[in-house]
Amino acid sequence: MTIGSLIRPTIVFAGLICAWQVVVMATAVPPYILPGPSSVASVFHERIDTLADNAGVTLIEILAGFAIGTIVGMASALIMTYFRPARLWLMPVLVVSQAVPVFALAPILTLWLGYGIESKIAMAVLIIYFPVTAAFYDGLRRTDPGWIDLARVMNASRSAELRHIRLPAALPALGSGLRVAAAVAPIGAVVGEWVGSSAGLGYLMLHANARVQIDLMFAALFTLAVMACVFYFAIDTIARRLTPWQTEISIEKEDP
């Protein structure tokens, strides 16, 4: 990570904070509609313990949902790649999982699994499952046929073919799916908390909104945004390190 990669986001963040403050000052909007950055920073400092406790619950839901969704998604992609009958059964399930809005399933999951952490993890898994499965399956079946033919000419076993050819070839596609999953994983956890929970950043936001504590709601939203960004960039870094042979190609024209 270069200094420039840190400076640019910092400048953008500072610019957004300044624009926020200008809007508040120029419009004289009431604080119960849009609190200023200083008010949010003050309540963030005062309620840091509450925010940290609820952020910890949401983080556990995100990490557990991401881990389970990734494992189930990768397993589904492998099964569809190597077993045609299973592919005929699993593909409709994969399509239906996206045809039904996962947000509509939140009340049902809460009813079945209760108001604890389980229903929130299940929501995150449902959201993560499709991008991971679709990306990994696409990467596995798009392996260069020449490599597969060479492995079969050399009498490589199916496990060796998978380990040394298909998996490395599918890693870039899997990395793309994991990046998408990392971006949407917080959505599943927070939506589940909105439907019914007793802890988490989503619960804290609803609780603060009901009590017209808008500055606390913004502080919780800011905490969630930072946590989601850190999680995304962590997954992005891991994905890049797993595929060091992948190079980024710029589409910008070079100056003559």
Foldseek 3Di string as FASTA:
>chain_A
DDPVVVVVVVVVVVVVLVVQQCVCVVVVDDVLVPNHPVLLVVVCVVCVVQLVFQAVLLVVLLVLLLVVLLVVLLVLLVCVQPPVVSVVVVVVVLVVLVVDPLLVCLLVLCVVVNQDSVSLSVLLSSVLNNLQNVLLNVQQVPFDVVLVVVCVVVVHDPVCCCVPTRVLSSLLSNLVSSLVSLLCSSVSNLSSVCSHYDGHLNVQLVVCNVVSVVSSNVSSVVSSVVVSVVSSVVSNVVSCVSNVVDDDDDPDDDDD
